[in-house]
């Protein structure tokens, strides 16, 4: 099975079933894509930053949100394999709340050491935030 197929299947299950425990598998699948595969297969952007703020996630979502095709955005939180970094994966949902993972739709993965108080508050003890 291709890495892209694993990514699509994992995110679909996370969103549709609420199975947020699969987020780790999803993030690992994305991480297994080479930069070339990611850029060819996905409109995928990866940012590495020491501190990530909630307003940065909101800014990215607002700048890429298209109300005629997007219903919401999802941010999934997962620890890196080494446990040092936190990965935040941002993806849009279509009008049927299905993840939009195609080359024409933007996605963002942030690898950070910590995030601000507002983002911590929004996540609480959850692994996923839905922004409408």
N, C-alpha and C. Protein backbone atom coordinates (compact mmCIF):
# COMPACT_ATOMS: atom_id res chain seq x y z
N UNK A 1 0.85 -1.17 0.00
CA UNK A 1 0.00 0.00 0.00
C UNK A 1 0.90 1.24 0.00
N UNK A 2 0.58 2.22 -0.81
CA UNK A 2 1.40 3.43 -0.90
C UNK A 2 1.23 4.28 0.36
N UNK A 3 2.25 5.09 0.64
CA UNK A 3 2.17 5.99 1.79
C UNK A 3 0.99 6.93 1.68
N UNK A 4 0.71 7.43 0.47
CA UNK A 4 -0.41 8.35 0.28
C UNK A 4 -1.73 7.66 0.61
N UNK A 5 -1.90 6.41 0.20
CA UNK A 5 -3.12 5.66 0.50
C UNK A 5 -3.26 5.47 2.01
N UNK A 6 -2.17 5.16 2.70
CA UNK A 6 -2.19 5.01 4.16
C UNK A 6 -2.63 6.31 4.81
N UNK A 7 -2.09 7.42 4.34
CA UNK A 7 -2.42 8.74 4.88
C UNK A 7 -3.91 9.02 4.71
N UNK A 8 -4.43 8.83 3.52
CA UNK A 8 -5.84 9.10 3.24
C UNK A 8 -6.74 8.21 4.08
N UNK A 9 -6.43 6.92 4.13
CA UNK A 9 -7.24 5.99 4.92
C UNK A 9 -7.22 6.35 6.40
N UNK A 10 -6.04 6.68 6.92
CA UNK A 10 -5.92 6.99 8.35
C UNK A 10 -6.69 8.25 8.71
N UNK A 11 -6.55 9.29 7.91
CA UNK A 11 -7.25 10.54 8.23
C UNK A 11 -8.76 10.36 8.10
N UNK A 12 -9.19 9.65 7.08
CA UNK A 12 -10.62 9.38 6.93
C UNK A 12 -11.19 8.69 8.16
N UNK A 13 -10.44 7.73 8.69
CA UNK A 13 -10.91 7.00 9.87
C UNK A 13 -10.92 7.92 11.09
N UNK A 14 -9.90 8.75 11.23
CA UNK A 14 -9.84 9.68 12.36
C UNK A 14 -11.06 10.59 12.35
N UNK A 15 -11.38 11.17 11.20
CA UNK A 15 -12.47 12.13 11.12
C UNK A 15 -13.83 11.45 11.24
N UNK A 16 -14.04 10.39 10.49
CA UNK A 16 -15.36 9.77 10.46
C UNK A 16 -15.69 9.00 11.72
N UNK A 17 -14.73 8.29 12.29
CA UNK A 17 -14.99 7.47 13.46
C UNK A 17 -14.65 8.15 14.77
N UNK A 18 -14.04 9.32 14.68
CA UNK A 18 -13.61 9.98 15.91
C UNK A 18 -12.50 9.21 16.60
N UNK A 19 -11.83 8.35 15.87
CA UNK A 19 -10.78 7.49 16.44
C UNK A 19 -9.47 8.25 16.50
N UNK A 20 -9.40 9.20 17.42
CA UNK A 20 -8.23 10.08 17.46
C UNK A 20 -6.96 9.34 17.83
N UNK A 21 -7.04 8.14 18.36
CA UNK A 21 -5.85 7.36 18.65
C UNK A 21 -5.09 7.00 17.39
N UNK A 22 -5.75 7.06 16.25
CA UNK A 22 -5.10 6.75 14.97
C UNK A 22 -4.27 7.93 14.50
N UNK A 23 -4.37 9.07 15.18
CA UNK A 23 -3.62 10.26 14.78
C UNK A 23 -2.13 9.97 14.70
N UNK A 24 -1.60 9.19 15.63
CA UNK A 24 -0.17 8.87 15.60
C UNK A 24 0.19 8.13 14.31
N UNK A 25 -0.64 7.15 13.93
CA UNK A 25 -0.39 6.41 12.69
C UNK A 25 -0.44 7.34 11.48
N UNK A 26 -1.40 8.26 11.51
CA UNK A 26 -1.54 9.21 10.41
C UNK A 26 -0.31 10.10 10.29
N UNK A 27 0.13 10.67 11.41
CA UNK A 27 1.29 11.55 11.40
C UNK A 27 2.53 10.79 10.95
N UNK A 28 2.69 9.55 11.40
CA UNK A 28 3.85 8.75 10.97
C UNK A 28 3.80 8.52 9.47
N UNK A 29 2.60 8.29 8.93
CA UNK A 29 2.46 8.08 7.49
C UNK A 29 2.90 9.31 6.71
N UNK A 30 2.48 10.48 7.18
CA UNK A 30 2.91 11.73 6.55
C UNK A 30 4.42 11.87 6.65
N UNK A 31 4.94 11.56 7.84
CA UNK A 31 6.38 11.66 8.05
C UNK A 31 7.18 10.74 7.15
N UNK A 32 6.58 9.64 6.72
CA UNK A 32 7.26 8.69 5.85
C UNK A 32 7.31 9.14 4.40
N UNK A 33 6.52 10.14 4.06
CA UNK A 33 6.58 10.67 2.71
C UNK A 33 7.87 11.49 2.56
N UNK A 34 8.57 11.28 1.47
CA UNK A 34 9.72 12.13 1.22
C UNK A 34 9.21 13.53 0.88
N UNK A 35 10.07 14.53 0.98
CA UNK A 35 9.66 15.88 0.61
C UNK A 35 9.18 15.92 -0.83
N UNK A 36 9.84 15.17 -1.70
CA UNK A 36 9.44 15.14 -3.11
C UNK A 36 8.07 14.50 -3.27
N UNK A 37 7.83 13.37 -2.59
CA UNK A 37 6.52 12.71 -2.66
C UNK A 37 5.43 13.65 -2.13
N UNK A 38 5.72 14.29 -1.01
CA UNK A 38 4.73 15.18 -0.40
C UNK A 38 4.40 16.34 -1.33
N UNK A 39 5.42 16.95 -1.91
CA UNK A 39 5.16 18.10 -2.77
C UNK A 39 4.47 17.70 -4.06
N UNK A 40 4.75 16.49 -4.57
CA UNK A 40 4.09 16.03 -5.79
C UNK A 40 2.67 15.55 -5.52
N UNK A 41 2.50 14.82 -4.43
CA UNK A 41 1.21 14.19 -4.17
C UNK A 41 0.26 15.09 -3.40
N UNK A 42 0.78 16.00 -2.63
CA UNK A 42 -0.05 16.80 -1.75
C UNK A 42 0.34 18.27 -1.84
N UNK A 43 -0.58 19.14 -1.57
CA UNK A 43 -0.28 20.56 -1.41
C UNK A 43 0.11 20.70 0.06
N UNK A 44 1.28 20.19 0.39
CA UNK A 44 1.71 19.95 1.76
C UNK A 44 2.84 20.90 2.13
N UNK A 45 2.69 21.56 3.26
CA UNK A 45 3.72 22.46 3.77
C UNK A 45 4.14 21.97 5.14
N UNK A 46 5.44 21.93 5.39
CA UNK A 46 5.95 21.52 6.70
C UNK A 46 6.75 22.67 7.29
N UNK A 47 6.44 23.00 8.55
CA UNK A 47 7.13 24.07 9.26
C UNK A 47 7.72 23.51 10.54
N UNK A 48 8.96 23.83 10.80
CA UNK A 48 9.59 23.48 12.08
C UNK A 48 9.84 24.78 12.83
N UNK A 49 9.32 24.84 14.07
CA UNK A 49 9.41 26.07 14.85
C UNK A 49 9.40 25.70 16.33
N UNK A 50 10.21 26.39 17.13
CA UNK A 50 10.30 26.09 18.57
C UNK A 50 8.96 26.28 19.29
N UNK A 51 8.30 27.42 19.04
CA UNK A 51 7.02 27.73 19.70
C UNK A 51 5.98 28.02 18.62
N UNK A 52 4.85 27.35 18.71
CA UNK A 52 3.75 27.56 17.76
C UNK A 52 2.56 28.12 18.51
N UNK A 53 1.96 29.15 17.98
CA UNK A 53 0.82 29.82 18.63
C UNK A 53 -0.49 29.48 17.92
N UNK A 54 -1.56 29.48 18.70
CA UNK A 54 -2.89 29.21 18.16
C UNK A 54 -3.22 30.19 17.04
N UNK A 55 -2.83 31.46 17.22
CA UNK A 55 -3.12 32.46 16.20
C UNK A 55 -2.43 32.12 14.88
N UNK A 56 -1.30 31.40 14.91
CA UNK A 56 -0.64 30.99 13.67
C UNK A 56 -1.47 29.92 12.95
N UNK A 57 -2.04 29.00 13.72
CA UNK A 57 -2.93 28.00 13.11
C UNK A 57 -4.16 28.67 12.52
N UNK A 58 -4.76 29.58 13.28
CA UNK A 58 -5.94 30.31 12.80
C UNK A 58 -5.59 31.11 11.54
N UNK A 59 -4.45 31.76 11.55
CA UNK A 59 -4.02 32.53 10.38
C UNK A 59 -3.86 31.68 9.15
N UNK A 60 -3.25 30.49 9.31
CA UNK A 60 -3.07 29.59 8.17
C UNK A 60 -4.43 29.12 7.65
N UNK A 61 -5.32 28.74 8.58
CA UNK A 61 -6.65 28.28 8.17
C UNK A 61 -7.39 29.40 7.44
N UNK A 62 -7.40 30.60 8.01
CA UNK A 62 -8.11 31.72 7.37
C UNK A 62 -7.55 32.04 5.99
N UNK A 63 -6.24 31.98 5.85
CA UNK A 63 -5.65 32.35 4.56
C UNK A 63 -5.87 31.29 3.48
N UNK A 64 -6.22 30.07 3.87
CA UNK A 64 -6.43 29.00 2.90
C UNK A 64 -7.88 28.52 2.80
N UNK A 65 -8.74 29.00 3.68
CA UNK A 65 -10.14 28.55 3.74
C UNK A 65 -10.93 29.11 2.57
N UNK A 66 -11.66 28.22 1.92
CA UNK A 66 -12.56 28.61 0.82
C UNK A 66 -13.97 28.16 1.20
N UNK A 67 -14.81 29.14 1.55
CA UNK A 67 -16.12 28.80 2.10
C UNK A 67 -17.02 28.04 1.13
N UNK A 68 -16.75 28.13 -0.16
CA UNK A 68 -17.58 27.40 -1.11
C UNK A 68 -17.27 25.90 -1.14
N UNK A 69 -16.09 25.48 -0.67
CA UNK A 69 -15.75 24.05 -0.69
C UNK A 69 -15.39 23.47 0.68
N UNK A 70 -14.97 24.32 1.63
CA UNK A 70 -14.57 23.84 2.95
C UNK A 70 -15.69 24.04 3.96
N UNK A 71 -15.83 23.06 4.84
CA UNK A 71 -16.78 23.17 5.94
C UNK A 71 -16.08 23.53 7.24
N UNK A 72 -14.86 23.01 7.41
CA UNK A 72 -14.11 23.23 8.65
C UNK A 72 -12.66 22.84 8.40
N UNK A 73 -11.85 23.03 9.43
CA UNK A 73 -10.47 22.56 9.41
C UNK A 73 -10.24 21.75 10.68
N UNK A 74 -9.32 20.80 10.59
CA UNK A 74 -9.00 19.95 11.71
C UNK A 74 -7.51 20.10 12.01
N UNK A 75 -7.17 20.16 13.29
CA UNK A 75 -5.78 20.13 13.72
C UNK A 75 -5.61 18.88 14.58
N UNK A 76 -4.70 18.01 14.19
CA UNK A 76 -4.43 16.77 14.92
C UNK A 76 -3.07 16.89 15.59
N UNK A 77 -3.01 16.55 16.86
CA UNK A 77 -1.78 16.64 17.65
C UNK A 77 -1.21 15.25 17.86
N UNK A 78 0.10 15.13 17.70
CA UNK A 78 0.77 13.86 17.92
C UNK A 78 2.21 14.11 18.32
N UNK A 79 2.77 13.23 19.11
CA UNK A 79 4.19 13.33 19.47
C UNK A 79 5.03 12.75 18.36
N UNK A 80 6.22 13.31 18.18
CA UNK A 80 7.15 12.76 17.20
C UNK A 80 7.64 11.40 17.70
N UNK A 81 8.23 10.62 16.82
CA UNK A 81 8.69 9.29 17.19
C UNK A 81 9.70 9.33 18.32
N UNK A 82 10.53 10.36 18.37
CA UNK A 82 11.53 10.46 19.43
C UNK A 82 10.96 11.08 20.71
N UNK A 83 9.70 11.53 20.66
CA UNK A 83 9.04 12.09 21.82
C UNK A 83 9.48 13.50 22.18
N UNK A 84 10.36 14.09 21.39
CA UNK A 84 10.89 15.42 21.68
C UNK A 84 9.99 16.52 21.13
N UNK A 85 9.49 16.33 19.94
CA UNK A 85 8.67 17.34 19.25
C UNK A 85 7.19 16.97 19.29
N UNK A 86 6.37 17.97 19.05
CA UNK A 86 4.93 17.79 18.90
C UNK A 86 4.59 18.13 17.46
N UNK A 87 3.85 17.25 16.80
CA UNK A 87 3.43 17.49 15.43
C UNK A 87 1.97 17.93 15.43
N UNK A 88 1.69 18.98 14.69
CA UNK A 88 0.33 19.47 14.51
C UNK A 88 0.01 19.42 13.03
N UNK A 89 -0.94 18.58 12.65
CA UNK A 89 -1.29 18.42 11.25
C UNK A 89 -2.62 19.13 11.01
N UNK A 90 -2.63 20.06 10.03
CA UNK A 90 -3.81 20.85 9.68
C UNK A 90 -4.36 20.38 8.33
N UNK A 91 -5.64 20.08 8.28
CA UNK A 91 -6.28 19.67 7.03
C UNK A 91 -7.71 20.20 7.01
N UNK A 92 -8.21 20.47 5.82
CA UNK A 92 -9.58 20.95 5.66
C UNK A 92 -10.55 19.80 5.48
N UNK A 93 -11.81 20.05 5.86
CA UNK A 93 -12.90 19.11 5.64
C UNK A 93 -13.82 19.68 4.58
N UNK A 94 -14.35 18.80 3.73
CA UNK A 94 -15.28 19.27 2.71
C UNK A 94 -16.67 19.45 3.32
N UNK A 95 -17.64 19.77 2.50
CA UNK A 95 -18.99 20.04 2.98
C UNK A 95 -19.65 18.81 3.62
N UNK A 96 -19.10 17.61 3.35
CA UNK A 96 -19.59 16.37 3.97
C UNK A 96 -18.71 15.95 5.14
N UNK A 97 -17.83 16.84 5.58
CA UNK A 97 -16.89 16.59 6.68
C UNK A 97 -15.90 15.47 6.40
N UNK A 98 -15.55 15.31 5.14
CA UNK A 98 -14.53 14.33 4.76
C UNK A 98 -13.22 15.08 4.52
N UNK A 99 -12.09 14.53 4.98
CA UNK A 99 -10.80 15.21 4.80
C UNK A 99 -10.46 15.42 3.33
N UNK A 100 -9.97 16.60 3.04
CA UNK A 100 -9.64 16.98 1.66
C UNK A 100 -8.14 16.79 1.44
N UNK A 101 -7.77 15.59 1.05
CA UNK A 101 -6.36 15.27 0.83
C UNK A 101 -6.16 14.99 -0.65
N UNK A 102 -6.01 16.04 -1.38
CA UNK A 102 -5.71 15.97 -2.81
C UNK A 102 -4.72 17.08 -3.10
N UNK A 103 -4.04 16.98 -4.20
CA UNK A 103 -2.98 17.94 -4.50
C UNK A 103 -3.46 19.38 -4.59
N UNK A 104 -4.74 19.58 -4.85
CA UNK A 104 -5.23 20.96 -4.98
C UNK A 104 -5.65 21.59 -3.65
N UNK A 105 -5.62 20.82 -2.56
CA UNK A 105 -6.05 21.34 -1.26
C UNK A 105 -4.86 21.45 -0.31
N UNK A 106 -4.69 22.59 0.32
CA UNK A 106 -3.53 22.79 1.19
C UNK A 106 -3.61 21.99 2.49
N UNK A 107 -2.44 21.57 2.96
CA UNK A 107 -2.29 20.91 4.26
C UNK A 107 -1.03 21.46 4.90
N UNK A 108 -0.99 21.44 6.21
CA UNK A 108 0.14 21.97 6.94
C UNK A 108 0.51 21.01 8.07
N UNK A 109 1.80 20.74 8.22
CA UNK A 109 2.31 20.00 9.37
C UNK A 109 3.33 20.88 10.08
N UNK A 110 3.09 21.11 11.35
CA UNK A 110 3.99 21.91 12.17
C UNK A 110 4.69 20.97 13.15
N UNK A 111 5.99 21.05 13.20
CA UNK A 111 6.78 20.30 14.17
C UNK A 111 7.34 21.32 15.15
N UNK A 112 6.96 21.21 16.42
CA UNK A 112 7.32 22.23 17.41
C UNK A 112 7.72 21.59 18.74
N UNK A 113 8.43 22.34 19.55
CA UNK A 113 8.80 21.87 20.90
C UNK A 113 7.70 22.19 21.90
N UNK A 114 6.99 23.27 21.66
CA UNK A 114 5.89 23.65 22.55
C UNK A 114 4.92 24.57 21.82
N UNK A 115 3.72 24.71 22.40
CA UNK A 115 2.78 25.68 21.85
C UNK A 115 2.23 26.55 22.94
N UNK A 116 1.65 27.67 22.51
CA UNK A 116 1.22 28.69 23.46
C UNK A 116 0.03 28.24 24.31
N UNK A 117 -0.25 29.04 25.34
CA UNK A 117 -1.30 28.72 26.30
C UNK A 117 -2.66 28.58 25.63
N UNK A 118 -2.95 29.42 24.65
CA UNK A 118 -4.26 29.36 23.98
C UNK A 118 -4.44 28.05 23.22
N UNK A 119 -3.40 27.59 22.56
CA UNK A 119 -3.47 26.31 21.84
C UNK A 119 -3.56 25.16 22.84
N UNK A 120 -2.81 25.22 23.93
CA UNK A 120 -2.89 24.18 24.97
C UNK A 120 -4.31 24.11 25.53
N UNK A 121 -4.91 25.29 25.77
CA UNK A 121 -6.27 25.36 26.31
C UNK A 121 -7.27 24.74 25.33
N UNK A 122 -7.12 25.03 24.04
CA UNK A 122 -8.05 24.49 23.04
C UNK A 122 -7.92 22.98 22.90
N UNK A 123 -6.71 22.45 23.00
CA UNK A 123 -6.53 21.00 22.93
C UNK A 123 -6.98 20.32 24.22
N UNK A 124 -6.67 20.92 25.35
CA UNK A 124 -7.00 20.26 26.62
C UNK A 124 -6.35 18.88 26.63
N UNK A 125 -7.13 17.84 26.90
CA UNK A 125 -6.60 16.48 26.87
C UNK A 125 -6.96 15.75 25.57
N UNK A 126 -7.36 16.50 24.55
CA UNK A 126 -7.76 15.91 23.26
C UNK A 126 -6.58 15.90 22.29
N UNK A 127 -6.70 15.09 21.28
CA UNK A 127 -5.67 15.02 20.23
C UNK A 127 -6.10 15.73 18.96
N UNK A 128 -7.33 16.27 18.96
CA UNK A 128 -7.86 16.88 17.75
C UNK A 128 -8.72 18.10 18.07
N UNK A 129 -8.59 19.14 17.26
CA UNK A 129 -9.44 20.32 17.35
C UNK A 129 -10.13 20.50 16.00
N UNK A 130 -11.41 20.83 16.02
CA UNK A 130 -12.12 21.16 14.79
C UNK A 130 -12.42 22.65 14.80
N UNK A 131 -11.99 23.34 13.75
CA UNK A 131 -12.22 24.78 13.62
C UNK A 131 -13.27 25.03 12.55
N UNK A 132 -14.34 25.70 12.92
CA UNK A 132 -15.41 26.01 11.96
C UNK A 132 -15.44 27.48 11.70
